[in-house]
Amino acid sequence: MDNVTLDNDQEKNSYFPCPVCGEMLLVEITKNQKPYCTCNECGIQLFIRGKSGIQRFKQLLGKMEVRGGCKDLVRNLDYFEYLKNRLDQIQMEKPFWGTDKDLEFQEQIVRRQLARLRGHMKANTE
């Protein structure tokens, strides 16, 4: 298997959104020249390994570059769409009779996140 790494030009000042909170993370390189990200907000690390994984990661970074200055807007819209889909999914999973405390709690969290994101996006467009 070929050793796949990021190009030096591509790794400098590249950012990737955290899959948990959406915060833009600086792409760093391990001593073995493999890309990784660390989210201080969530406390997670992403290590991208393997030929196909690193190639896909390169493609994603390329798409992020195309988006340029719209990263925050695109990230917020993507996250907003994810939250709406998750809310729909939760509502479909809720039992017809009775209650599911876990689903109700998840629904509350998603609704709060949607409201927070709506407010954030509205404030940034005015």
N, C-alpha and C. Protein backbone atom coordinates (compact mmCIF):
# COMPACT_ATOMS: atom_id res chain seq x y z
N MET A 1 0.85 -1.18 0.00
CA MET A 1 0.00 0.00 0.00
C MET A 1 0.89 1.24 0.00
N ASP A 2 0.53 2.19 -0.86
CA ASP A 2 1.29 3.43 -0.95
C ASP A 2 1.04 4.28 0.29
N ASN A 3 2.08 5.01 0.66
CA ASN A 3 1.96 5.93 1.78
C ASN A 3 1.33 7.22 1.27
N VAL A 4 0.15 7.56 1.74
CA VAL A 4 -0.56 8.75 1.28
C VAL A 4 -0.48 9.82 2.34
N THR A 5 -0.08 11.01 1.94
CA THR A 5 -0.02 12.14 2.86
C THR A 5 -0.66 13.34 2.19
N LEU A 6 -0.85 14.41 2.94
CA LEU A 6 -1.36 15.65 2.37
C LEU A 6 -0.22 16.41 1.72
N ASP A 7 -0.55 17.15 0.66
CA ASP A 7 0.44 18.00 0.02
C ASP A 7 0.77 19.14 0.97
N ASN A 8 2.02 19.60 0.92
CA ASN A 8 2.42 20.69 1.81
C ASN A 8 1.57 21.93 1.62
N ASP A 9 1.23 22.26 0.36
CA ASP A 9 0.41 23.44 0.10
C ASP A 9 -0.97 23.30 0.71
N GLN A 10 -1.50 22.09 0.63
CA GLN A 10 -2.87 21.87 1.08
C GLN A 10 -2.98 21.86 2.61
N GLU A 11 -1.93 21.42 3.27
CA GLU A 11 -2.01 21.29 4.73
C GLU A 11 -1.89 22.62 5.45
N LYS A 12 -1.27 23.61 4.84
CA LYS A 12 -1.09 24.90 5.50
C LYS A 12 -2.40 25.66 5.54
N ASN A 13 -2.79 26.08 6.71
CA ASN A 13 -3.99 26.89 6.91
C ASN A 13 -5.27 26.22 6.43
N SER A 14 -5.32 24.89 6.48
CA SER A 14 -6.55 24.19 6.13
C SER A 14 -7.38 24.00 7.39
N TYR A 15 -8.69 24.10 7.23
CA TYR A 15 -9.61 23.91 8.34
C TYR A 15 -10.65 22.88 7.95
N PHE A 16 -11.15 22.21 8.97
CA PHE A 16 -12.16 21.18 8.77
C PHE A 16 -13.17 21.28 9.90
N PRO A 17 -14.48 21.18 9.63
CA PRO A 17 -15.48 21.33 10.70
C PRO A 17 -15.52 20.12 11.62
N CYS A 18 -15.62 20.38 12.91
CA CYS A 18 -15.78 19.31 13.90
C CYS A 18 -17.12 18.61 13.63
N PRO A 19 -17.12 17.29 13.57
CA PRO A 19 -18.38 16.58 13.31
C PRO A 19 -19.36 16.63 14.48
N VAL A 20 -18.89 17.04 15.66
CA VAL A 20 -19.77 17.09 16.83
C VAL A 20 -20.37 18.47 17.02
N CYS A 21 -19.52 19.50 17.05
CA CYS A 21 -20.03 20.84 17.36
C CYS A 21 -19.98 21.81 16.18
N GLY A 22 -19.29 21.45 15.10
CA GLY A 22 -19.23 22.31 13.93
C GLY A 22 -18.14 23.36 13.97
N GLU A 23 -17.40 23.45 15.06
CA GLU A 23 -16.29 24.40 15.17
C GLU A 23 -15.26 24.10 14.08
N MET A 24 -14.70 25.16 13.46
CA MET A 24 -13.69 24.94 12.44
C MET A 24 -12.36 24.60 13.11
N LEU A 25 -11.79 23.46 12.72
CA LEU A 25 -10.57 22.95 13.34
C LEU A 25 -9.39 23.08 12.38
N LEU A 26 -8.25 23.47 12.92
CA LEU A 26 -7.04 23.53 12.13
C LEU A 26 -6.57 22.11 11.84
N VAL A 27 -6.27 21.82 10.58
CA VAL A 27 -5.75 20.50 10.20
C VAL A 27 -4.26 20.50 10.51
N GLU A 28 -3.86 19.55 11.35
CA GLU A 28 -2.46 19.42 11.71
C GLU A 28 -1.93 18.11 11.13
N ILE A 29 -0.61 17.93 11.19
CA ILE A 29 0.02 16.77 10.59
C ILE A 29 0.81 16.02 11.65
N THR A 30 0.62 14.68 11.71
CA THR A 30 1.36 13.86 12.66
C THR A 30 2.81 13.72 12.21
N LYS A 31 3.63 13.13 13.05
CA LYS A 31 5.04 12.92 12.69
C LYS A 31 5.17 11.99 11.49
N ASN A 32 4.14 11.19 11.22
CA ASN A 32 4.14 10.30 10.05
C ASN A 32 3.47 10.94 8.84
N GLN A 33 3.28 12.26 8.91
CA GLN A 33 2.71 13.03 7.81
C GLN A 33 1.26 12.67 7.50
N LYS A 34 0.48 12.33 8.52
CA LYS A 34 -0.94 12.03 8.37
C LYS A 34 -1.74 13.18 8.97
N PRO A 35 -2.87 13.55 8.35
CA PRO A 35 -3.67 14.66 8.86
C PRO A 35 -4.48 14.28 10.10
N TYR A 36 -4.64 15.25 10.99
CA TYR A 36 -5.51 15.07 12.15
C TYR A 36 -6.01 16.43 12.63
N CYS A 37 -7.10 16.40 13.38
CA CYS A 37 -7.70 17.62 13.95
C CYS A 37 -8.02 17.35 15.40
N THR A 38 -7.95 18.40 16.20
CA THR A 38 -8.32 18.31 17.62
C THR A 38 -9.32 19.41 17.92
N CYS A 39 -10.45 19.05 18.53
CA CYS A 39 -11.45 20.04 18.93
C CYS A 39 -11.35 20.25 20.44
N ASN A 40 -10.90 21.41 20.83
CA ASN A 40 -10.79 21.72 22.25
C ASN A 40 -12.15 21.90 22.89
N GLU A 41 -13.13 22.29 22.09
CA GLU A 41 -14.50 22.48 22.58
C GLU A 41 -15.11 21.16 23.02
N CYS A 42 -14.97 20.13 22.16
CA CYS A 42 -15.57 18.81 22.42
C CYS A 42 -14.62 17.82 23.08
N GLY A 43 -13.33 18.07 22.92
CA GLY A 43 -12.34 17.16 23.47
C GLY A 43 -12.13 15.92 22.61
N ILE A 44 -12.43 16.02 21.32
CA ILE A 44 -12.22 14.87 20.44
C ILE A 44 -11.05 15.13 19.51
N GLN A 45 -10.48 14.04 19.01
CA GLN A 45 -9.44 14.11 18.00
C GLN A 45 -9.86 13.26 16.82
N LEU A 46 -9.55 13.73 15.63
CA LEU A 46 -9.84 12.98 14.41
C LEU A 46 -8.51 12.66 13.75
N PHE A 47 -8.24 11.38 13.57
CA PHE A 47 -7.05 10.95 12.86
C PHE A 47 -7.50 10.33 11.55
N ILE A 48 -7.01 10.85 10.45
CA ILE A 48 -7.41 10.34 9.15
C ILE A 48 -6.29 9.42 8.67
N ARG A 49 -6.65 8.17 8.44
CA ARG A 49 -5.65 7.18 8.07
C ARG A 49 -6.11 6.39 6.86
N GLY A 50 -5.17 5.69 6.27
CA GLY A 50 -5.48 4.83 5.14
C GLY A 50 -5.52 5.60 3.84
N LYS A 51 -5.19 4.92 2.77
CA LYS A 51 -5.11 5.56 1.46
C LYS A 51 -6.44 6.19 1.04
N SER A 52 -7.52 5.43 1.10
CA SER A 52 -8.81 5.98 0.65
C SER A 52 -9.30 7.07 1.60
N GLY A 53 -9.07 6.91 2.90
CA GLY A 53 -9.51 7.91 3.87
C GLY A 53 -8.82 9.25 3.66
N ILE A 54 -7.52 9.21 3.44
CA ILE A 54 -6.75 10.45 3.23
C ILE A 54 -7.11 11.07 1.89
N GLN A 55 -7.34 10.25 0.87
CA GLN A 55 -7.75 10.81 -0.42
C GLN A 55 -9.11 11.49 -0.32
N ARG A 56 -10.04 10.88 0.39
CA ARG A 56 -11.36 11.50 0.58
C ARG A 56 -11.24 12.78 1.39
N PHE A 57 -10.37 12.76 2.38
CA PHE A 57 -10.14 13.95 3.20
C PHE A 57 -9.58 15.08 2.34
N LYS A 58 -8.67 14.76 1.43
CA LYS A 58 -8.13 15.76 0.50
C LYS A 58 -9.25 16.38 -0.33
N GLN A 59 -10.16 15.54 -0.80
CA GLN A 59 -11.27 16.03 -1.60
C GLN A 59 -12.15 16.98 -0.78
N LEU A 60 -12.41 16.61 0.47
CA LEU A 60 -13.22 17.48 1.34
C LEU A 60 -12.52 18.81 1.58
N LEU A 61 -11.20 18.77 1.79
CA LEU A 61 -10.47 20.01 2.00
C LEU A 61 -10.54 20.88 0.75
N GLY A 62 -10.49 20.26 -0.42
CA GLY A 62 -10.62 20.99 -1.67
C GLY A 62 -11.97 21.68 -1.78
N LYS A 63 -13.02 20.99 -1.36
CA LYS A 63 -14.35 21.59 -1.38
C LYS A 63 -14.44 22.74 -0.40
N MET A 64 -13.77 22.60 0.74
CA MET A 64 -13.79 23.68 1.73
C MET A 64 -13.11 24.92 1.16
N GLU A 65 -12.01 24.72 0.40
CA GLU A 65 -11.31 25.85 -0.20
C GLU A 65 -12.21 26.58 -1.20
N VAL A 66 -12.99 25.82 -1.96
CA VAL A 66 -13.89 26.42 -2.94
C VAL A 66 -14.91 27.30 -2.24
N ARG A 67 -15.34 26.86 -1.09
CA ARG A 67 -16.35 27.63 -0.35
C ARG A 67 -15.76 28.92 0.20
N GLY A 68 -14.46 28.94 0.41
CA GLY A 68 -13.74 30.14 0.82
C GLY A 68 -14.33 30.84 2.02
N GLY A 69 -14.65 32.14 1.86
CA GLY A 69 -15.14 32.95 2.96
C GLY A 69 -16.53 32.58 3.44
N CYS A 70 -17.20 31.66 2.78
CA CYS A 70 -18.55 31.27 3.16
C CYS A 70 -18.56 30.08 4.11
N LYS A 71 -17.41 29.71 4.65
CA LYS A 71 -17.33 28.51 5.48
C LYS A 71 -18.32 28.53 6.64
N ASP A 72 -18.39 29.64 7.33
CA ASP A 72 -19.29 29.71 8.48
C ASP A 72 -20.75 29.58 8.06
N LEU A 73 -21.11 30.26 7.01
CA LEU A 73 -22.48 30.19 6.53
C LEU A 73 -22.83 28.77 6.08
N VAL A 74 -21.97 28.16 5.29
CA VAL A 74 -22.21 26.80 4.81
C VAL A 74 -22.26 25.84 5.98
N ARG A 75 -21.34 25.98 6.92
CA ARG A 75 -21.31 25.11 8.09
C ARG A 75 -22.61 25.25 8.88
N ASN A 76 -23.07 26.49 9.09
CA ASN A 76 -24.31 26.71 9.83
C ASN A 76 -25.52 26.15 9.10
N LEU A 77 -25.56 26.34 7.79
CA LEU A 77 -26.67 25.80 7.02
C LEU A 77 -26.67 24.27 7.02
N ASP A 78 -25.49 23.68 6.90
CA ASP A 78 -25.38 22.22 6.96
C ASP A 78 -25.84 21.70 8.33
N TYR A 79 -25.40 22.38 9.38
CA TYR A 79 -25.76 21.97 10.73
C TYR A 79 -27.26 22.16 10.95
N PHE A 80 -27.81 23.26 10.45
CA PHE A 80 -29.24 23.53 10.57
C PHE A 80 -30.04 22.42 9.90
N GLU A 81 -29.64 22.03 8.70
CA GLU A 81 -30.31 20.95 7.97
C GLU A 81 -30.20 19.63 8.73
N TYR A 82 -29.02 19.37 9.29
CA TYR A 82 -28.83 18.16 10.09
C TYR A 82 -29.79 18.15 11.28
N LEU A 83 -29.89 19.27 11.98
CA LEU A 83 -30.77 19.35 13.16
C LEU A 83 -32.23 19.15 12.77
N LYS A 84 -32.65 19.75 11.66
CA LYS A 84 -34.04 19.57 11.22
C LYS A 84 -34.31 18.10 10.90
N ASN A 85 -33.38 17.47 10.21
CA ASN A 85 -33.55 16.04 9.89
C ASN A 85 -33.56 15.19 11.15
N ARG A 86 -32.72 15.53 12.11
CA ARG A 86 -32.68 14.77 13.36
C ARG A 86 -33.98 14.94 14.13
N LEU A 87 -34.53 16.14 14.13
CA LEU A 87 -35.81 16.39 14.80
C LEU A 87 -36.92 15.55 14.15
N ASP A 88 -36.94 15.52 12.82
CA ASP A 88 -37.92 14.68 12.12
C ASP A 88 -37.76 13.21 12.50
N GLN A 89 -36.52 12.78 12.57
CA GLN A 89 -36.24 11.37 12.91
C GLN A 89 -36.71 11.06 14.34
N ILE A 90 -36.44 11.95 15.26
CA ILE A 90 -36.87 11.75 16.65
C ILE A 90 -38.39 11.67 16.72
N GLN A 91 -39.06 12.56 16.01
CA GLN A 91 -40.52 12.58 16.06
C GLN A 91 -41.11 11.30 15.47
N MET A 92 -40.45 10.74 14.47
CA MET A 92 -40.93 9.49 13.89
C MET A 92 -40.69 8.30 14.84
N GLU A 93 -39.66 8.39 15.68
CA GLU A 93 -39.32 7.31 16.60
C GLU A 93 -40.17 7.33 17.87
N LYS A 94 -40.79 8.47 18.16
CA LYS A 94 -41.57 8.59 19.39
C LYS A 94 -42.74 7.60 19.36
N PRO A 95 -43.01 6.98 20.48
CA PRO A 95 -44.12 6.02 20.52
C PRO A 95 -45.46 6.73 20.38
N PHE A 96 -46.41 6.01 19.77
CA PHE A 96 -47.74 6.58 19.57
C PHE A 96 -48.42 6.80 20.92
N TRP A 97 -48.31 5.79 21.79
CA TRP A 97 -48.83 5.91 23.15
C TRP A 97 -47.70 5.84 24.13
N GLY A 98 -47.85 6.53 25.21
CA GLY A 98 -46.81 6.53 26.23
C GLY A 98 -45.73 7.54 25.89
N THR A 99 -44.67 7.48 26.65
CA THR A 99 -43.57 8.41 26.44
C THR A 99 -42.25 7.66 26.45
N ASP A 100 -41.29 8.25 25.82
CA ASP A 100 -39.91 7.75 25.85
C ASP A 100 -39.06 8.92 26.35
N LYS A 101 -38.65 8.85 27.60
CA LYS A 101 -37.92 9.96 28.24
C LYS A 101 -36.66 10.34 27.47
N ASP A 102 -35.93 9.33 26.96
CA ASP A 102 -34.71 9.63 26.21
C ASP A 102 -35.00 10.41 24.94
N LEU A 103 -36.01 9.99 24.21
CA LEU A 103 -36.36 10.71 22.98
C LEU A 103 -36.87 12.11 23.27
N GLU A 104 -37.62 12.26 24.35
CA GLU A 104 -38.10 13.59 24.73
C GLU A 104 -36.93 14.51 25.08
N PHE A 105 -35.95 13.97 25.78
CA PHE A 105 -34.76 14.73 26.14
C PHE A 105 -33.97 15.12 24.88
N GLN A 106 -33.81 14.17 23.96
CA GLN A 106 -33.12 14.45 22.70
C GLN A 106 -33.85 15.53 21.91
N GLU A 107 -35.17 15.44 21.90
CA GLU A 107 -35.97 16.43 21.19
C GLU A 107 -35.76 17.83 21.77
N GLN A 108 -35.74 17.92 23.09
CA GLN A 108 -35.50 19.21 23.76
C GLN A 108 -34.15 19.79 23.34
N ILE A 109 -33.13 18.96 23.34
CA ILE A 109 -31.79 19.42 22.99
C ILE A 109 -31.75 19.91 21.55
N VAL A 110 -32.32 19.15 20.64
CA VAL A 110 -32.31 19.53 19.22
C VAL A 110 -33.10 20.82 19.02
N ARG A 111 -34.24 20.95 19.67
CA ARG A 111 -35.03 22.18 19.53
C ARG A 111 -34.26 23.40 20.06
N ARG A 112 -33.55 23.24 21.18
CA ARG A 112 -32.75 24.34 21.73
C ARG A 112 -31.62 24.71 20.76
N GLN A 113 -30.97 23.70 20.19
CA GLN A 113 -29.89 23.96 19.25
C GLN A 113 -30.42 24.69 18.01
N LEU A 114 -31.57 24.26 17.52
CA LEU A 114 -32.18 24.93 16.36
C LEU A 114 -32.49 26.39 16.68
N ALA A 115 -33.05 26.64 17.84
CA ALA A 115 -33.38 28.01 18.24
C ALA A 115 -32.11 28.85 18.37
N ARG A 116 -31.08 28.29 18.98
CA ARG A 116 -29.81 29.00 19.15
C ARG A 116 -29.20 29.32 17.78
N LEU A 117 -29.22 28.34 16.89
CA LEU A 117 -28.64 28.53 15.56
C LEU A 117 -29.45 29.54 14.74
N ARG A 118 -30.77 29.48 14.85
CA ARG A 118 -31.61 30.47 14.15
C ARG A 118 -31.25 31.89 14.62
N GLY A 119 -31.15 32.05 15.92
CA GLY A 119 -30.79 33.36 16.47
C GLY A 119 -29.42 33.83 16.02
N HIS A 120 -28.47 32.91 16.01
CA HIS A 120 -27.11 33.24 15.58
C HIS A 120 -27.10 33.65 14.11
N MET A 121 -27.78 32.88 13.28
CA MET A 121 -27.80 33.16 11.85
C MET A 121 -28.55 34.47 11.56
N LYS A 122 -29.64 34.69 12.28
CA LYS A 122 -30.42 35.92 12.09
C LYS A 122 -29.60 37.15 12.49
N ALA A 123 -28.88 37.04 13.61
CA ALA A 123 -28.06 38.16 14.08
C ALA A 123 -26.94 38.48 13.09
N ASN A 124 -26.41 37.46 12.41
CA ASN A 124 -25.32 37.68 11.46
C ASN A 124 -25.78 38.15 10.10
N THR A 125 -27.09 38.11 9.84
CA THR A 125 -27.58 38.58 8.55
C THR A 125 -28.19 39.97 8.62
N GLU A 126 -28.35 40.49 9.81
CA GLU A 126 -28.94 41.83 9.96
C GLU A 126 -27.88 42.89 9.99
